Amino acid sequence: MIVDDSELMRTLIKEVLSKYDLEIIEAENGRIALIKFEELQPDLILLDITMPEMDGITFLNNIPKDKVKVIMLSALGQRAIVLDCLKKGAVSYIVKPFEESQLIKTISKFIKLVSKN
């Protein structure tokens, strides 16, 4: 699941991940992501920190981390917040903007990526 208030960011990530045999779920804020999480139980969440309605930290605090891997997406300058998220159960983080190879390398540590080709 990709959780980011930026439609452009969700689209960029979805394009990178479309090369792999994955079901991709999108949410534009933590409130919607929480509903989709409870309904669809994704294996991995790419989670933005700063979003309207419900931010990534609040979302992270409201899900069982033993059932899902959460990778935080953060802008430069949010280091203290990212470290707090790691203490709260996130498994890793990616600093935006990022390279496609960095995204794939980080995700592949936590789920098996199988190419569609």
PDB file of N, CA and C in Angstrom:
ATOM      1  N   MET A   1       0.844  -1.171   0.000  1.00  0.00           N
ATOM      2  CA  MET A   1       0.000   0.000   0.000  1.00  0.00           C
ATOM      3  C   MET A   1       0.889   1.233   0.000  1.00  0.00           C
ATOM      4  N   ILE A   2       0.543   2.204  -0.849  1.00  0.00           N
ATOM      5  CA  ILE A   2       1.245   3.476  -0.927  1.00  0.00           C
ATOM      6  C   ILE A   2       0.357   4.519  -0.265  1.00  0.00           C
ATOM      7  N   VAL A   3       0.869   5.156   0.790  1.00  0.00           N
ATOM      8  CA  VAL A   3       0.106   6.173   1.505  1.00  0.00           C
ATOM      9  C   VAL A   3       0.870   7.490   1.414  1.00  0.00           C
ATOM     10  N   ASP A   4       0.354   8.398   0.597  1.00  0.00           N
ATOM     11  CA  ASP A   4       1.008   9.689   0.402  1.00  0.00           C
ATOM     12  C   ASP A   4      -0.046  10.667  -0.108  1.00  0.00           C
ATOM     13  N   ASP A   5      -0.036  11.893   0.408  1.00  0.00           N
ATOM     14  CA  ASP A   5      -1.015  12.871  -0.042  1.00  0.00           C
ATOM     15  C   ASP A   5      -0.696  13.423  -1.424  1.00  0.00           C
ATOM     16  N   SER A   6       0.509  13.193  -1.905  1.00  0.00           N
ATOM     17  CA  SER A   6       0.894  13.650  -3.238  1.00  0.00           C
ATOM     18  C   SER A   6       0.515  12.593  -4.282  1.00  0.00           C
ATOM     19  N   GLU A   7      -0.415  12.959  -5.148  1.00  0.00           N
ATOM     20  CA  GLU A   7      -0.811  12.037  -6.210  1.00  0.00           C
ATOM     21  C   GLU A   7       0.361  11.740  -7.126  1.00  0.00           C
ATOM     22  N   LEU A   8       1.211  12.745  -7.347  1.00  0.00           N
ATOM     23  CA  LEU A   8       2.398  12.550  -8.176  1.00  0.00           C
ATOM     24  C   LEU A   8       3.329  11.497  -7.560  1.00  0.00           C
ATOM     25  N   MET A   9       3.558  11.578  -6.257  1.00  0.00           N
ATOM     26  CA  MET A   9       4.426  10.612  -5.586  1.00  0.00           C
ATOM     27  C   MET A   9       3.828   9.206  -5.659  1.00  0.00           C
ATOM     28  N   ARG A  10       2.524   9.093  -5.425  1.00  0.00           N
ATOM     29  CA  ARG A  10       1.881   7.770  -5.519  1.00  0.00           C
ATOM     30  C   ARG A  10       2.017   7.210  -6.929  1.00  0.00           C
ATOM     31  N   THR A  11       1.839   8.062  -7.924  1.00  0.00           N
ATOM     32  CA  THR A  11       1.950   7.622  -9.319  1.00  0.00           C
ATOM     33  C   THR A  11       3.374   7.190  -9.642  1.00  0.00           C
ATOM     34  N   LEU A  12       4.367   7.946  -9.203  1.00  0.00           N
ATOM     35  CA  LEU A  12       5.768   7.575  -9.451  1.00  0.00           C
ATOM     36  C   LEU A  12       6.104   6.221  -8.827  1.00  0.00           C
ATOM     37  N   ILE A  13       5.690   6.029  -7.582  1.00  0.00           N
ATOM     38  CA  ILE A  13       5.966   4.755  -6.908  1.00  0.00           C
ATOM     39  C   ILE A  13       5.227   3.621  -7.596  1.00  0.00           C
ATOM     40  N   LYS A  14       3.982   3.861  -7.957  1.00  0.00           N
ATOM     41  CA  LYS A  14       3.177   2.836  -8.623  1.00  0.00           C
ATOM     42  C   LYS A  14       3.811   2.437  -9.961  1.00  0.00           C
ATOM     43  N   GLU A  15       4.350   3.402 -10.692  1.00  0.00           N
ATOM     44  CA  GLU A  15       5.012   3.095 -11.965  1.00  0.00           C
ATOM     45  C   GLU A  15       6.231   2.206 -11.755  1.00  0.00           C
ATOM     46  N   VAL A  16       7.025   2.497 -10.740  1.00  0.00           N
ATOM     47  CA  VAL A  16       8.193   1.666 -10.426  1.00  0.00           C
ATOM     48  C   VAL A  16       7.752   0.257 -10.054  1.00  0.00           C
ATOM     49  N   LEU A  17       6.740   0.151  -9.211  1.00  0.00           N
ATOM     50  CA  LEU A  17       6.300  -1.155  -8.717  1.00  0.00           C
ATOM     51  C   LEU A  17       5.462  -1.932  -9.729  1.00  0.00           C
ATOM     52  N   SER A  18       4.974  -1.262 -10.766  1.00  0.00           N
ATOM     53  CA  SER A  18       4.150  -1.948 -11.771  1.00  0.00           C
ATOM     54  C   SER A  18       4.945  -2.990 -12.554  1.00  0.00           C
ATOM     55  N   LYS A  19       6.277  -2.947 -12.460  1.00  0.00           N
ATOM     56  CA  LYS A  19       7.136  -3.925 -13.132  1.00  0.00           C
ATOM     57  C   LYS A  19       7.140  -5.271 -12.407  1.00  0.00           C
ATOM     58  N   TYR A  20       6.545  -5.281 -11.230  1.00  0.00           N
ATOM     59  CA  TYR A  20       6.562  -6.475 -10.389  1.00  0.00           C
ATOM     60  C   TYR A  20       5.153  -6.990 -10.179  1.00  0.00           C
ATOM     61  N   ASP A  21       5.068  -8.254  -9.856  1.00  0.00           N
ATOM     62  CA  ASP A  21       3.776  -8.903  -9.647  1.00  0.00           C
ATOM     63  C   ASP A  21       3.256  -8.571  -8.250  1.00  0.00           C
ATOM     64  N   LEU A  22       2.713  -7.353  -8.114  1.00  0.00           N
ATOM     65  CA  LEU A  22       2.224  -6.868  -6.831  1.00  0.00           C
ATOM     66  C   LEU A  22       0.826  -6.290  -6.984  1.00  0.00           C
ATOM     67  N   GLU A  23       0.022  -6.454  -5.980  1.00  0.00           N
ATOM     68  CA  GLU A  23      -1.249  -5.737  -5.915  1.00  0.00           C
ATOM     69  C   GLU A  23      -0.953  -4.414  -5.211  1.00  0.00           C
ATOM     70  N   ILE A  24      -1.251  -3.319  -5.859  1.00  0.00           N
ATOM     71  CA  ILE A  24      -0.930  -2.002  -5.310  1.00  0.00           C
ATOM     72  C   ILE A  24      -2.203  -1.303  -4.862  1.00  0.00           C
ATOM     73  N   ILE A  25      -2.199  -0.864  -3.624  1.00  0.00           N
ATOM     74  CA  ILE A  25      -3.313  -0.134  -3.023  1.00  0.00           C
ATOM     75  C   ILE A  25      -2.810   1.277  -2.763  1.00  0.00           C
ATOM     76  N   GLU A  26      -3.665   2.270  -2.978  1.00  0.00           N
ATOM     77  CA  GLU A  26      -3.279   3.653  -2.720  1.00  0.00           C
ATOM     78  C   GLU A  26      -4.212   4.295  -1.706  1.00  0.00           C
ATOM     79  N   ALA A  27      -3.653   5.230  -0.946  1.00  0.00           N
ATOM     80  CA  ALA A  27      -4.451   6.053  -0.035  1.00  0.00           C
ATOM     81  C   ALA A  27      -3.792   7.418   0.057  1.00  0.00           C
ATOM     82  N   GLU A  28      -4.621   8.463   0.098  1.00  0.00           N
ATOM     83  CA  GLU A  28      -4.076   9.817   0.110  1.00  0.00           C
ATOM     84  C   GLU A  28      -3.890  10.421   1.491  1.00  0.00           C
ATOM     85  N   ASN A  29      -4.261   9.677   2.522  1.00  0.00           N
ATOM     86  CA  ASN A  29      -3.990  10.129   3.896  1.00  0.00           C
ATOM     87  C   ASN A  29      -4.138   8.944   4.847  1.00  0.00           C
ATOM     88  N   GLY A  30      -3.742   9.147   6.081  1.00  0.00           N
ATOM     89  CA  GLY A  30      -3.769   8.072   7.054  1.00  0.00           C
ATOM     90  C   GLY A  30      -5.156   7.576   7.401  1.00  0.00           C
ATOM     91  N   ARG A  31      -6.146   8.457   7.370  1.00  0.00           N
ATOM     92  CA  ARG A  31      -7.520   8.053   7.694  1.00  0.00           C
ATOM     93  C   ARG A  31      -8.028   7.041   6.672  1.00  0.00           C
ATOM     94  N   ILE A  32      -7.846   7.344   5.404  1.00  0.00           N
ATOM     95  CA  ILE A  32      -8.273   6.422   4.343  1.00  0.00           C
ATOM     96  C   ILE A  32      -7.420   5.159   4.372  1.00  0.00           C
ATOM     97  N   ALA A  33      -6.127   5.325   4.631  1.00  0.00           N
ATOM     98  CA  ALA A  33      -5.232   4.167   4.699  1.00  0.00           C
ATOM     99  C   ALA A  33      -5.637   3.211   5.809  1.00  0.00           C
ATOM    100  N   LEU A  34      -6.085   3.744   6.934  1.00  0.00           N
ATOM    101  CA  LEU A  34      -6.502   2.895   8.052  1.00  0.00           C
ATOM    102  C   LEU A  34      -7.698   2.042   7.657  1.00  0.00           C
ATOM    103  N   ILE A  35      -8.645   2.620   6.958  1.00  0.00           N
ATOM    104  CA  ILE A  35      -9.821   1.872   6.481  1.00  0.00           C
ATOM    105  C   ILE A  35      -9.379   0.777   5.511  1.00  0.00           C
ATOM    106  N   LYS A  36      -8.525   1.140   4.556  1.00  0.00           N
ATOM    107  CA  LYS A  36      -8.054   0.163   3.569  1.00  0.00           C
ATOM    108  C   LYS A  36      -7.184  -0.908   4.217  1.00  0.00           C
ATOM    109  N   PHE A  37      -6.385  -0.526   5.209  1.00  0.00           N
ATOM    110  CA  PHE A  37      -5.544  -1.494   5.906  1.00  0.00           C
ATOM    111  C   PHE A  37      -6.408  -2.558   6.583  1.00  0.00           C
ATOM    112  N   GLU A  38      -7.419  -2.120   7.299  1.00  0.00           N
ATOM    113  CA  GLU A  38      -8.283  -3.069   8.012  1.00  0.00           C
ATOM    114  C   GLU A  38      -9.023  -3.988   7.051  1.00  0.00           C
ATOM    115  N   GLU A  39      -9.394  -3.465   5.893  1.00  0.00           N
ATOM    116  CA  GLU A  39     -10.144  -4.246   4.916  1.00  0.00           C
ATOM    117  C   GLU A  39      -9.255  -5.187   4.099  1.00  0.00           C
ATOM    118  N   LEU A  40      -8.080  -4.706   3.680  1.00  0.00           N
ATOM    119  CA  LEU A  40      -7.270  -5.435   2.703  1.00  0.00           C
ATOM    120  C   LEU A  40      -6.016  -6.091   3.262  1.00  0.00           C
ATOM    121  N   GLN A  41      -5.580  -5.720   4.470  1.00  0.00           N
ATOM    122  CA  GLN A  41      -4.423  -6.330   5.141  1.00  0.00           C
ATOM    123  C   GLN A  41      -3.188  -6.441   4.236  1.00  0.00           C
ATOM    124  N   PRO A  42      -2.628  -5.317   3.788  1.00  0.00           N
ATOM    125  CA  PRO A  42      -1.433  -5.383   2.932  1.00  0.00           C
ATOM    126  C   PRO A  42      -0.223  -5.924   3.700  1.00  0.00           C
ATOM    127  N   ASP A  43       0.745  -6.434   2.949  1.00  0.00           N
ATOM    128  CA  ASP A  43       1.981  -6.968   3.538  1.00  0.00           C
ATOM    129  C   ASP A  43       3.002  -5.879   3.830  1.00  0.00           C
ATOM    130  N   LEU A  44       2.937  -4.789   3.045  1.00  0.00           N
ATOM    131  CA  LEU A  44       3.925  -3.721   3.146  1.00  0.00           C
ATOM    132  C   LEU A  44       3.236  -2.384   2.909  1.00  0.00           C
ATOM    133  N   ILE A  45       3.655  -1.377   3.681  1.00  0.00           N
ATOM    134  CA  ILE A  45       3.111  -0.036   3.512  1.00  0.00           C
ATOM    135  C   ILE A  45       4.264   0.943   3.329  1.00  0.00           C
ATOM    136  N   LEU A  46       4.175   1.753   2.279  1.00  0.00           N
ATOM    137  CA  LEU A  46       5.074   2.879   2.079  1.00  0.00           C
ATOM    138  C   LEU A  46       4.311   4.087   2.587  1.00  0.00           C
ATOM    139  N   LEU A  47       4.795   4.691   3.672  1.00  0.00           N
ATOM    140  CA  LEU A  47       4.005   5.661   4.428  1.00  0.00           C
ATOM    141  C   LEU A  47       4.667   7.033   4.511  1.00  0.00           C
ATOM    142  N   ASP A  48       4.002   8.027   3.935  1.00  0.00           N
ATOM    143  CA  ASP A  48       4.449   9.409   4.053  1.00  0.00           C
ATOM    144  C   ASP A  48       4.213   9.870   5.494  1.00  0.00           C
ATOM    145  N   ILE A  49       4.978  10.833   5.932  1.00  0.00           N
ATOM    146  CA  ILE A  49       4.829  11.330   7.302  1.00  0.00           C
ATOM    147  C   ILE A  49       3.828  12.473   7.372  1.00  0.00           C
ATOM    148  N   THR A  50       4.005  13.481   6.521  1.00  0.00           N
ATOM    149  CA  THR A  50       3.173  14.672   6.594  1.00  0.00           C
ATOM    150  C   THR A  50       2.019  14.578   5.605  1.00  0.00           C
ATOM    151  N   MET A  51       0.790  14.455   6.141  1.00  0.00           N
ATOM    152  CA  MET A  51      -0.421  14.361   5.323  1.00  0.00           C
ATOM    153  C   MET A  51      -1.573  15.019   6.074  1.00  0.00           C
ATOM    154  N   PRO A  52      -2.589  15.480   5.342  1.00  0.00           N
ATOM    155  CA  PRO A  52      -3.768  16.036   6.003  1.00  0.00           C
ATOM    156  C   PRO A  52      -4.652  14.927   6.590  1.00  0.00           C
ATOM    157  N   GLU A  53      -5.562  15.295   7.447  1.00  0.00           N
ATOM    158  CA  GLU A  53      -6.563  14.433   8.097  1.00  0.00           C
ATOM    159  C   GLU A  53      -5.962  13.464   9.105  1.00  0.00           C
ATOM    160  N   MET A  54      -5.003  12.650   8.703  1.00  0.00           N
ATOM    161  CA  MET A  54      -4.269  11.794   9.630  1.00  0.00           C
ATOM    162  C   MET A  54      -2.871  11.619   9.092  1.00  0.00           C
ATOM    163  N   ASP A  55      -1.877  12.054   9.864  1.00  0.00           N
ATOM    164  CA  ASP A  55      -0.494  11.953   9.404  1.00  0.00           C
ATOM    165  C   ASP A  55       0.034  10.528   9.556  1.00  0.00           C
ATOM    166  N   GLY A  56       1.222  10.310   9.016  1.00  0.00           N
ATOM    167  CA  GLY A  56       1.811   8.975   9.032  1.00  0.00           C
ATOM    168  C   GLY A  56       2.112   8.455  10.428  1.00  0.00           C
ATOM    169  N   ILE A  57       2.496   9.330  11.329  1.00  0.00           N
ATOM    170  CA  ILE A  57       2.816   8.900  12.695  1.00  0.00           C
ATOM    171  C   ILE A  57       1.564   8.416  13.412  1.00  0.00           C
ATOM    172  N   THR A  58       0.474   9.157  13.270  1.00  0.00           N
ATOM    173  CA  THR A  58      -0.787   8.737  13.886  1.00  0.00           C
ATOM    174  C   THR A  58      -1.245   7.409  13.296  1.00  0.00           C
ATOM    175  N   PHE A  59      -1.140   7.278  11.981  1.00  0.00           N
ATOM    176  CA  PHE A  59      -1.489   6.013  11.333  1.00  0.00           C
ATOM    177  C   PHE A  59      -0.636   4.877  11.891  1.00  0.00           C
ATOM    178  N   LEU A  60       0.670   5.101  11.959  1.00  0.00           N
ATOM    179  CA  LEU A  60       1.591   4.086  12.470  1.00  0.00           C
ATOM    180  C   LEU A  60       1.216   3.655  13.885  1.00  0.00           C
ATOM    181  N   ASN A  61       0.791   4.597  14.703  1.00  0.00           N
ATOM    182  CA  ASN A  61       0.390   4.297  16.076  1.00  0.00           C
ATOM    183  C   ASN A  61      -0.904   3.502  16.173  1.00  0.00           C
ATOM    184  N   ASN A  62      -1.663   3.430  15.070  1.00  0.00           N
ATOM    185  CA  ASN A  62      -2.976   2.783  15.092  1.00  0.00           C
ATOM    186  C   ASN A  62      -3.040   1.453  14.355  1.00  0.00           C
ATOM    187  N   ILE A  63      -1.896   0.919  13.965  1.00  0.00           N
ATOM    188  CA  ILE A  63      -1.900  -0.386  13.286  1.00  0.00           C
ATOM    189  C   ILE A  63      -1.005  -1.368  14.034  1.00  0.00           C
ATOM    190  N   PRO A  64      -1.313  -2.657  13.930  1.00  0.00           N
ATOM    191  CA  PRO A  64      -0.458  -3.679  14.561  1.00  0.00           C
ATOM    192  C   PRO A  64       0.786  -3.929  13.711  1.00  0.00           C
ATOM    193  N   LYS A  65       1.941  -3.505  14.193  1.00  0.00           N
ATOM    194  CA  LYS A  65       3.184  -3.628  13.428  1.00  0.00           C
ATOM    195  C   LYS A  65       3.631  -5.071  13.241  1.00  0.00           C
ATOM    196  N   ASP A  66       3.100  -5.999  14.013  1.00  0.00           N
ATOM    197  CA  ASP A  66       3.473  -7.404  13.834  1.00  0.00           C
ATOM    198  C   ASP A  66       2.789  -8.024  12.617  1.00  0.00           C
ATOM    199  N   LYS A  67       1.834  -7.316  12.011  1.00  0.00           N
ATOM    200  CA  LYS A  67       1.105  -7.853  10.868  1.00  0.00           C
ATOM    201  C   LYS A  67       1.495  -7.230   9.536  1.00  0.00           C
ATOM    202  N   VAL A  68       2.328  -6.179   9.574  1.00  0.00           N
ATOM    203  CA  VAL A  68       2.677  -5.469   8.350  1.00  0.00           C
ATOM    204  C   VAL A  68       4.045  -4.802   8.513  1.00  0.00           C
ATOM    205  N   LYS A  69       4.761  -4.703   7.415  1.00  0.00           N
ATOM    206  CA  LYS A  69       6.033  -3.974   7.393  1.00  0.00           C
ATOM    207  C   LYS A  69       5.736  -2.557   6.908  1.00  0.00           C
ATOM    208  N   VAL A  70       6.264  -1.560   7.623  1.00  0.00           N
ATOM    209  CA  VAL A  70       6.037  -0.168   7.262  1.00  0.00           C
ATOM    210  C   VAL A  70       7.379   0.498   6.954  1.00  0.00           C
ATOM    211  N   ILE A  71       7.459   1.073   5.761  1.00  0.00           N
ATOM    212  CA  ILE A  71       8.629   1.846   5.350  1.00  0.00           C
ATOM    213  C   ILE A  71       8.180   3.300   5.269  1.00  0.00           C
ATOM    214  N   MET A  72       8.818   4.153   6.034  1.00  0.00           N
ATOM    215  CA  MET A  72       8.464   5.566   6.058  1.00  0.00           C
ATOM    216  C   MET A  72       9.062   6.279   4.850  1.00  0.00           C
ATOM    217  N   LEU A  73       8.306   7.221   4.296  1.00  0.00           N
ATOM    218  CA  LEU A  73       8.776   8.098   3.232  1.00  0.00           C
ATOM    219  C   LEU A  73       8.912   9.478   3.846  1.00  0.00           C
ATOM    220  N   SER A  74      10.104  10.060   3.776  1.00  0.00           N
ATOM    221  CA  SER A  74      10.291  11.354   4.424  1.00  0.00           C
ATOM    222  C   SER A  74      11.089  12.304   3.562  1.00  0.00           C
ATOM    223  N   ALA A  75      10.830  13.568   3.758  1.00  0.00           N
ATOM    224  CA  ALA A  75      11.623  14.600   3.102  1.00  0.00           C
ATOM    225  C   ALA A  75      12.880  14.837   3.927  1.00  0.00           C
ATOM    226  N   LEU A  76      13.877  15.409   3.310  1.00  0.00           N
ATOM    227  CA  LEU A  76      15.088  15.763   4.051  1.00  0.00           C
ATOM    228  C   LEU A  76      14.722  16.682   5.211  1.00  0.00           C
ATOM    229  N   GLY A  77      15.410  16.557   6.310  1.00  0.00           N
ATOM    230  CA  GLY A  77      15.150  17.420   7.452  1.00  0.00           C
ATOM    231  C   GLY A  77      14.193  16.834   8.466  1.00  0.00           C
ATOM    232  N   GLN A  78      13.714  15.625   8.239  1.00  0.00           N
ATOM    233  CA  GLN A  78      12.782  14.992   9.164  1.00  0.00           C
ATOM    234  C   GLN A  78      13.442  13.846   9.921  1.00  0.00           C
ATOM    235  N   ARG A  79      14.746  13.904  10.078  1.00  0.00           N
ATOM    236  CA  ARG A  79      15.505  12.807  10.683  1.00  0.00           C
ATOM    237  C   ARG A  79      14.990  12.406  12.061  1.00  0.00           C
ATOM    238  N   ALA A  80      14.738  13.355  12.945  1.00  0.00           N
ATOM    239  CA  ALA A  80      14.259  13.037  14.295  1.00  0.00           C
ATOM    240  C   ALA A  80      12.906  12.346  14.242  1.00  0.00           C
ATOM    241  N   ILE A  81      12.056  12.778  13.329  1.00  0.00           N
ATOM    242  CA  ILE A  81      10.731  12.163  13.190  1.00  0.00           C
ATOM    243  C   ILE A  81      10.879  10.730  12.680  1.00  0.00           C
ATOM    244  N   VAL A  82      11.757  10.536  11.694  1.00  0.00           N
ATOM    245  CA  VAL A  82      11.994   9.194  11.142  1.00  0.00           C
ATOM    246  C   VAL A  82      12.508   8.258  12.234  1.00  0.00           C
ATOM    247  N   LEU A  83      13.456   8.710  13.023  1.00  0.00           N
ATOM    248  CA  LEU A  83      13.989   7.881  14.111  1.00  0.00           C
ATOM    249  C   LEU A  83      12.897   7.508  15.100  1.00  0.00           C
ATOM    250  N   ASP A  84      11.995   8.441  15.380  1.00  0.00           N
ATOM    251  CA  ASP A  84      10.861   8.160  16.261  1.00  0.00           C
ATOM    252  C   ASP A  84       9.962   7.083  15.639  1.00  0.00           C
ATOM    253  N   CYS A  85       9.731   7.172  14.339  1.00  0.00           N
ATOM    254  CA  CYS A  85       8.908   6.169  13.649  1.00  0.00           C
ATOM    255  C   CYS A  85       9.555   4.789  13.706  1.00  0.00           C
ATOM    256  N   LEU A  86      10.879   4.731  13.566  1.00  0.00           N
ATOM    257  CA  LEU A  86      11.570   3.455  13.663  1.00  0.00           C
ATOM    258  C   LEU A  86      11.406   2.855  15.057  1.00  0.00           C
ATOM    259  N   LYS A  87      11.440   3.691  16.082  1.00  0.00           N
ATOM    260  CA  LYS A  87      11.212   3.209  17.450  1.00  0.00           C
ATOM    261  C   LYS A  87       9.781   2.719  17.637  1.00  0.00           C
ATOM    262  N   LYS A  88       8.847   3.288  16.874  1.00  0.00           N
ATOM    263  CA  LYS A  88       7.432   2.929  16.989  1.00  0.00           C
ATOM    264  C   LYS A  88       7.043   1.744  16.106  1.00  0.00           C
ATOM    265  N   GLY A  89       8.022   1.165  15.385  1.00  0.00           N
ATOM    266  CA  GLY A  89       7.720  -0.054  14.641  1.00  0.00           C
ATOM    267  C   GLY A  89       7.944  -0.032  13.150  1.00  0.00           C
ATOM    268  N   ALA A  90       8.254   1.118  12.562  1.00  0.00           N
ATOM    269  CA  ALA A  90       8.582   1.130  11.136  1.00  0.00           C
ATOM    270  C   ALA A  90       9.872   0.335  10.946  1.00  0.00           C
ATOM    271  N   VAL A  91       9.994  -0.345   9.811  1.00  0.00           N
ATOM    272  CA  VAL A  91      11.168  -1.197   9.584  1.00  0.00           C
ATOM    273  C   VAL A  91      12.296  -0.489   8.848  1.00  0.00           C
ATOM    274  N   SER A  92      11.964   0.605   8.150  1.00  0.00           N
ATOM    275  CA  SER A  92      12.977   1.331   7.393  1.00  0.00           C
ATOM    276  C   SER A  92      12.397   2.671   6.964  1.00  0.00           C
ATOM    277  N   TYR A  93      13.217   3.431   6.245  1.00  0.00           N
ATOM    278  CA  TYR A  93      12.739   4.698   5.703  1.00  0.00           C
ATOM    279  C   TYR A  93      13.457   4.998   4.399  1.00  0.00           C
ATOM    280  N   ILE A  94      12.804   5.811   3.592  1.00  0.00           N
ATOM    281  CA  ILE A  94      13.354   6.260   2.324  1.00  0.00           C
ATOM    282  C   ILE A  94      13.208   7.777   2.308  1.00  0.00           C
ATOM    283  N   VAL A  95      14.313   8.469   2.007  1.00  0.00           N
ATOM    284  CA  VAL A  95      14.277   9.927   1.942  1.00  0.00           C
ATOM    285  C   VAL A  95      13.857  10.352   0.537  1.00  0.00           C
ATOM    286  N   LYS A  96      12.867  11.237   0.481  1.00  0.00           N
ATOM    287  CA  LYS A  96      12.413  11.793  -0.798  1.00  0.00           C
ATOM    288  C   LYS A  96      13.222  13.042  -1.121  1.00  0.00           C
ATOM    289  N   PRO A  97      13.554  13.263  -2.374  1.00  0.00           N
ATOM    290  CA  PRO A  97      13.322  12.385  -3.527  1.00  0.00           C
ATOM    291  C   PRO A  97      14.297  11.209  -3.508  1.00  0.00           C
ATOM    292  N   PHE A  98      13.911  10.119  -4.133  1.00  0.00           N
ATOM    293  CA  PHE A  98      14.722   8.908  -4.108  1.00  0.00           C
ATOM    294  C   PHE A  98      14.912   8.372  -5.517  1.00  0.00           C
ATOM    295  N   GLU A  99      15.906   7.529  -5.665  1.00  0.00           N
ATOM    296  CA  GLU A  99      16.151   6.842  -6.927  1.00  0.00           C
ATOM    297  C   GLU A  99      15.333   5.548  -6.965  1.00  0.00           C
ATOM    298  N   GLU A 100      14.945   5.137  -8.155  1.00  0.00           N
ATOM    299  CA  GLU A 100      14.180   3.907  -8.323  1.00  0.00           C
ATOM    300  C   GLU A 100      14.910   2.722  -7.695  1.00  0.00           C
ATOM    301  N   SER A 101      16.222   2.642  -7.903  1.00  0.00           N
ATOM    302  CA  SER A 101      17.001   1.517  -7.377  1.00  0.00           C
ATOM    303  C   SER A 101      16.969   1.483  -5.846  1.00  0.00           C
ATOM    304  N   GLN A 102      16.973   2.650  -5.220  1.00  0.00           N
ATOM    305  CA  GLN A 102      16.903   2.712  -3.754  1.00  0.00           C
ATOM    306  C   GLN A 102      15.555   2.197  -3.260  1.00  0.00           C
ATOM    307  N   LEU A 103      14.490   2.590  -3.940  1.00  0.00           N
ATOM    308  CA  LEU A 103      13.149   2.134  -3.570  1.00  0.00           C
ATOM    309  C   LEU A 103      13.060   0.610  -3.670  1.00  0.00           C
ATOM    310  N   ILE A 104      13.506   0.064  -4.781  1.00  0.00           N
ATOM    311  CA  ILE A 104      13.448  -1.386  -4.999  1.00  0.00           C
ATOM    312  C   ILE A 104      14.319  -2.123  -3.993  1.00  0.00           C
ATOM    313  N   LYS A 105      15.510  -1.625  -3.756  1.00  0.00           N
ATOM    314  CA  LYS A 105      16.423  -2.275  -2.799  1.00  0.00           C
ATOM    315  C   LYS A 105      15.814  -2.304  -1.398  1.00  0.00           C
ATOM    316  N   THR A 106      15.222  -1.200  -0.978  1.00  0.00           N
ATOM    317  CA  THR A 106      14.630  -1.140   0.359  1.00  0.00           C
ATOM    318  C   THR A 106      13.417  -2.061   0.471  1.00  0.00           C
ATOM    319  N   ILE A 107      12.545  -2.019  -0.501  1.00  0.00           N
ATOM    320  CA  ILE A 107      11.345  -2.867  -0.470  1.00  0.00           C
ATOM    321  C   ILE A 107      11.721  -4.344  -0.503  1.00  0.00           C
ATOM    322  N   SER A 108      12.711  -4.685  -1.325  1.00  0.00           N
ATOM    323  CA  SER A 108      13.078  -6.099  -1.489  1.00  0.00           C
ATOM    324  C   SER A 108      13.679  -6.708  -0.220  1.00  0.00           C
ATOM    325  N   LYS A 109      14.058  -5.884   0.736  1.00  0.00           N
ATOM    326  CA  LYS A 109      14.525  -6.413   2.023  1.00  0.00           C
ATOM    327  C   LYS A 109      13.380  -7.030   2.816  1.00  0.00           C
ATOM    328  N   PHE A 110      12.145  -6.624   2.504  1.00  0.00           N
ATOM    329  CA  PHE A 110      11.013  -7.010   3.338  1.00  0.00           C
ATOM    330  C   PHE A 110       9.953  -7.842   2.638  1.00  0.00           C
ATOM    331  N   ILE A 111       9.891  -7.754   1.314  1.00  0.00           N
ATOM    332  CA  ILE A 111       8.981  -8.633   0.564  1.00  0.00           C
ATOM    333  C   ILE A 111       9.694  -9.104  -0.691  1.00  0.00           C
ATOM    334  N   LYS A 112       9.254 -10.238  -1.201  1.00  0.00           N
ATOM    335  CA  LYS A 112       9.859 -10.792  -2.408  1.00  0.00           C
ATOM    336  C   LYS A 112       9.266 -10.073  -3.628  1.00  0.00           C
ATOM    337  N   LEU A 113      10.142  -9.507  -4.435  1.00  0.00           N
ATOM    338  CA  LEU A 113       9.705  -8.840  -5.662  1.00  0.00           C
ATOM    339  C   LEU A 113       9.922  -9.790  -6.824  1.00  0.00           C
ATOM    340  N   VAL A 114       8.853 -10.100  -7.527  1.00  0.00           N
ATOM    341  CA  VAL A 114       8.907 -10.987  -8.676  1.00  0.00           C
ATOM    342  C   VAL A 114       8.552 -10.190  -9.916  1.00  0.00           C
ATOM    343  N   SER A 115       9.474 -10.134 -10.867  1.00  0.00           N
ATOM    344  CA  SER A 115       9.252  -9.388 -12.101  1.00  0.00           C
ATOM    345  C   SER A 115       8.103  -9.991 -12.894  1.00  0.00           C
ATOM    346  N   LYS A 116       7.348  -9.143 -13.569  1.00  0.00           N
ATOM    347  CA  LYS A 116       6.236  -9.617 -14.405  1.00  0.00           C
ATOM    348  C   LYS A 116       6.734 -10.265 -15.686  1.00  0.00           C
ATOM    349  N   ASN A 117       7.967  -9.998 -16.075  1.00  0.00           N
ATOM    350  CA  ASN A 117       8.507 -10.539 -17.334  1.00  0.00           C
ATOM    351  C   ASN A 117       8.905 -11.975 -17.201  1.00  0.00           C
TER     352      ASN A 117
END
